[in-house]
């Protein structure tokens, strides 16, 4: 298990390093793919049914795609539970 986690962390670090020179559109697509993959992995780890797997993949893709970041000001938009957004410095 420890070996798998180490490989996962190393792969994530390499992938994030490659995102430095991406356009906003490329980041949006990449975020969607990463989010969908995270949803699929989560559903697989929880032995979810096909319906729940689809829901987690779509939710992950949506979350990964809808990340809003203003590169010039360093501010990000975060979704609230009530459907509104709040803008504050990126983490």
C-alpha atoms as a PDB file:
ATOM      1  CA  UNK A   1       0.000   0.000   0.000  1.00  0.00           C
ATOM      2  CA  UNK A   2       2.802   2.399   0.866  1.00  0.00           C
ATOM      3  CA  UNK A   3       4.434   1.797  -2.520  1.00  0.00           C
ATOM      4  CA  UNK A   4       1.165   2.619  -4.326  1.00  0.00           C
ATOM      5  CA  UNK A   5       0.757   5.860  -2.402  1.00  0.00           C
ATOM      6  CA  UNK A   6       4.342   6.866  -3.168  1.00  0.00           C
ATOM      7  CA  UNK A   7       3.800   6.204  -6.872  1.00  0.00           C
ATOM      8  CA  UNK A   8       0.533   8.163  -6.814  1.00  0.00           C
ATOM      9  CA  UNK A   9       2.127  11.175  -5.093  1.00  0.00           C
ATOM     10  CA  UNK A  10       5.114  11.163  -7.458  1.00  0.00           C
ATOM     11  CA  UNK A  11       2.816  10.950 -10.479  1.00  0.00           C
ATOM     12  CA  UNK A  12       0.680  13.816  -9.194  1.00  0.00           C
ATOM     13  CA  UNK A  13       3.758  15.993  -8.633  1.00  0.00           C
ATOM     14  CA  UNK A  14       4.983  15.364 -12.170  1.00  0.00           C
ATOM     15  CA  UNK A  15       1.528  16.052 -13.607  1.00  0.00           C
ATOM     16  CA  UNK A  16       1.174  19.324 -11.689  1.00  0.00           C
ATOM     17  CA  UNK A  17       4.591  20.488 -12.836  1.00  0.00           C
ATOM     18  CA  UNK A  18       3.407  20.083 -16.419  1.00  0.00           C
ATOM     19  CA  UNK A  19       0.444  22.414 -15.807  1.00  0.00           C
ATOM     20  CA  UNK A  20       2.554  25.530 -15.280  1.00  0.00           C
ATOM     21  CA  UNK A  21       2.454  26.746 -18.890  1.00  0.00           C
ATOM     22  CA  UNK A  22      -1.124  25.750 -19.757  1.00  0.00           C
ATOM     23  CA  UNK A  23      -3.750  28.087 -21.132  1.00  0.00           C
ATOM     24  CA  UNK A  24      -6.916  28.566 -19.061  1.00  0.00           C
ATOM     25  CA  UNK A  25      -8.847  26.319 -21.466  1.00  0.00           C
ATOM     26  CA  UNK A  26      -6.249  23.547 -21.137  1.00  0.00           C
ATOM     27  CA  UNK A  27      -6.414  23.840 -17.337  1.00  0.00           C
ATOM     28  CA  UNK A  28     -10.199  23.563 -17.488  1.00  0.00           C
ATOM     29  CA  UNK A  29     -10.055  20.391 -19.582  1.00  0.00           C
ATOM     30  CA  UNK A  30      -7.306  18.916 -17.422  1.00  0.00           C
ATOM     31  CA  UNK A  31      -9.257  19.755 -14.266  1.00  0.00           C
ATOM     32  CA  UNK A  32     -12.292  17.979 -15.666  1.00  0.00           C
ATOM     33  CA  UNK A  33     -10.284  14.882 -16.529  1.00  0.00           C
ATOM     34  CA  UNK A  34      -8.549  14.800 -13.149  1.00  0.00           C
ATOM     35  CA  UNK A  35     -11.856  15.312 -11.348  1.00  0.00           C
ATOM     36  CA  UNK A  36     -13.532  12.538 -13.334  1.00  0.00           C
ATOM     37  CA  UNK A  37     -10.622  10.218 -12.619  1.00  0.00           C
ATOM     38  CA  UNK A  38     -10.776  11.012  -8.902  1.00  0.00           C
ATOM     39  CA  UNK A  39     -14.509  10.267  -8.936  1.00  0.00           C
ATOM     40  CA  UNK A  40     -13.919   6.951 -10.686  1.00  0.00           C
ATOM     41  CA  UNK A  41     -11.184   5.940  -8.249  1.00  0.00           C
ATOM     42  CA  UNK A  42     -13.382   6.880  -5.290  1.00  0.00           C
ATOM     43  CA  UNK A  43     -16.326   4.879  -6.639  1.00  0.00           C
ATOM     44  CA  UNK A  44     -14.093   1.881  -7.299  1.00  0.00           C
ATOM     45  CA  UNK A  45     -12.593   2.047  -3.814  1.00  0.00           C
ATOM     46  CA  UNK A  46     -16.087   2.071  -2.293  1.00  0.00           C
ATOM     47  CA  UNK A  47     -17.369  -0.727  -4.578  1.00  0.00           C
ATOM     48  CA  UNK A  48     -20.152   1.556  -5.795  1.00  0.00           C
ATOM     49  CA  UNK A  49     -22.861   0.424  -8.209  1.00  0.00           C
ATOM     50  CA  UNK A  50     -22.775   1.562 -11.846  1.00  0.00           C
ATOM     51  CA  UNK A  51     -25.239   4.366 -11.131  1.00  0.00           C
ATOM     52  CA  UNK A  52     -23.211   5.782  -8.261  1.00  0.00           C
ATOM     53  CA  UNK A  53     -20.017   5.422 -10.274  1.00  0.00           C
ATOM     54  CA  UNK A  54     -21.535   7.591 -12.993  1.00  0.00           C
ATOM     55  CA  UNK A  55     -22.630  10.175 -10.419  1.00  0.00           C
ATOM     56  CA  UNK A  56     -19.165  10.384  -8.830  1.00  0.00           C
ATOM     57  CA  UNK A  57     -17.447  10.667 -12.216  1.00  0.00           C
ATOM     58  CA  UNK A  58     -19.779  13.478 -13.325  1.00  0.00           C
ATOM     59  CA  UNK A  59     -19.479  15.273  -9.986  1.00  0.00           C
ATOM     60  CA  UNK A  60     -15.692  15.039 -10.098  1.00  0.00           C
ATOM     61  CA  UNK A  61     -15.562  16.316 -13.670  1.00  0.00           C
ATOM     62  CA  UNK A  62     -17.844  19.217 -12.792  1.00  0.00           C
ATOM     63  CA  UNK A  63     -15.823  20.176  -9.736  1.00  0.00           C
ATOM     64  CA  UNK A  64     -12.548  19.959 -11.648  1.00  0.00           C
ATOM     65  CA  UNK A  65     -13.860  22.067 -14.518  1.00  0.00           C
ATOM     66  CA  UNK A  66     -15.532  24.808 -12.505  1.00  0.00           C
ATOM     67  CA  UNK A  67     -12.478  25.963 -10.600  1.00  0.00           C
ATOM     68  CA  UNK A  68     -12.199  29.731 -11.147  1.00  0.00           C
ATOM     69  CA  UNK A  69      -8.881  31.467 -10.590  1.00  0.00           C
ATOM     70  CA  UNK A  70      -7.808  34.978 -11.514  1.00  0.00           C
ATOM     71  CA  UNK A  71      -4.093  34.669 -12.242  1.00  0.00           C
ATOM     72  CA  UNK A  72      -3.529  38.442 -12.223  1.00  0.00           C
ATOM     73  CA  UNK A  73      -5.009  39.119  -8.773  1.00  0.00           C
ATOM     74  CA  UNK A  74      -4.456  35.710  -7.157  1.00  0.00           C
ATOM     75  CA  UNK A  75      -8.138  35.475  -6.208  1.00  0.00           C
ATOM     76  CA  UNK A  76     -10.256  32.321  -6.539  1.00  0.00           C
ATOM     77  CA  UNK A  77     -14.012  31.743  -6.604  1.00  0.00           C
ATOM     78  CA  UNK A  78     -15.231  29.036  -4.240  1.00  0.00           C
ATOM     79  CA  UNK A  79     -18.691  27.465  -4.417  1.00  0.00           C
ATOM     80  CA  UNK A  80     -20.884  27.635  -1.331  1.00  0.00           C
ATOM     81  CA  UNK A  81     -23.461  25.051  -0.282  1.00  0.00           C
ATOM     82  CA  UNK A  82     -26.319  27.422  -1.116  1.00  0.00           C
ATOM     83  CA  UNK A  83     -25.224  27.723  -4.775  1.00  0.00           C
ATOM     84  CA  UNK A  84     -23.555  31.121  -4.475  1.00  0.00           C
ATOM     85  CA  UNK A  85     -19.851  31.845  -4.881  1.00  0.00           C
ATOM     86  CA  UNK A  86     -17.444  33.676  -2.625  1.00  0.00           C
ATOM     87  CA  UNK A  87     -14.189  35.229  -3.863  1.00  0.00           C
ATOM     88  CA  UNK A  88     -11.085  35.165  -1.668  1.00  0.00           C
ATOM     89  CA  UNK A  89      -7.322  34.628  -1.994  1.00  0.00           C
ATOM     90  CA  UNK A  90      -6.395  31.262  -3.494  1.00  0.00           C
ATOM     91  CA  UNK A  91      -5.076  28.583  -1.154  1.00  0.00           C
END
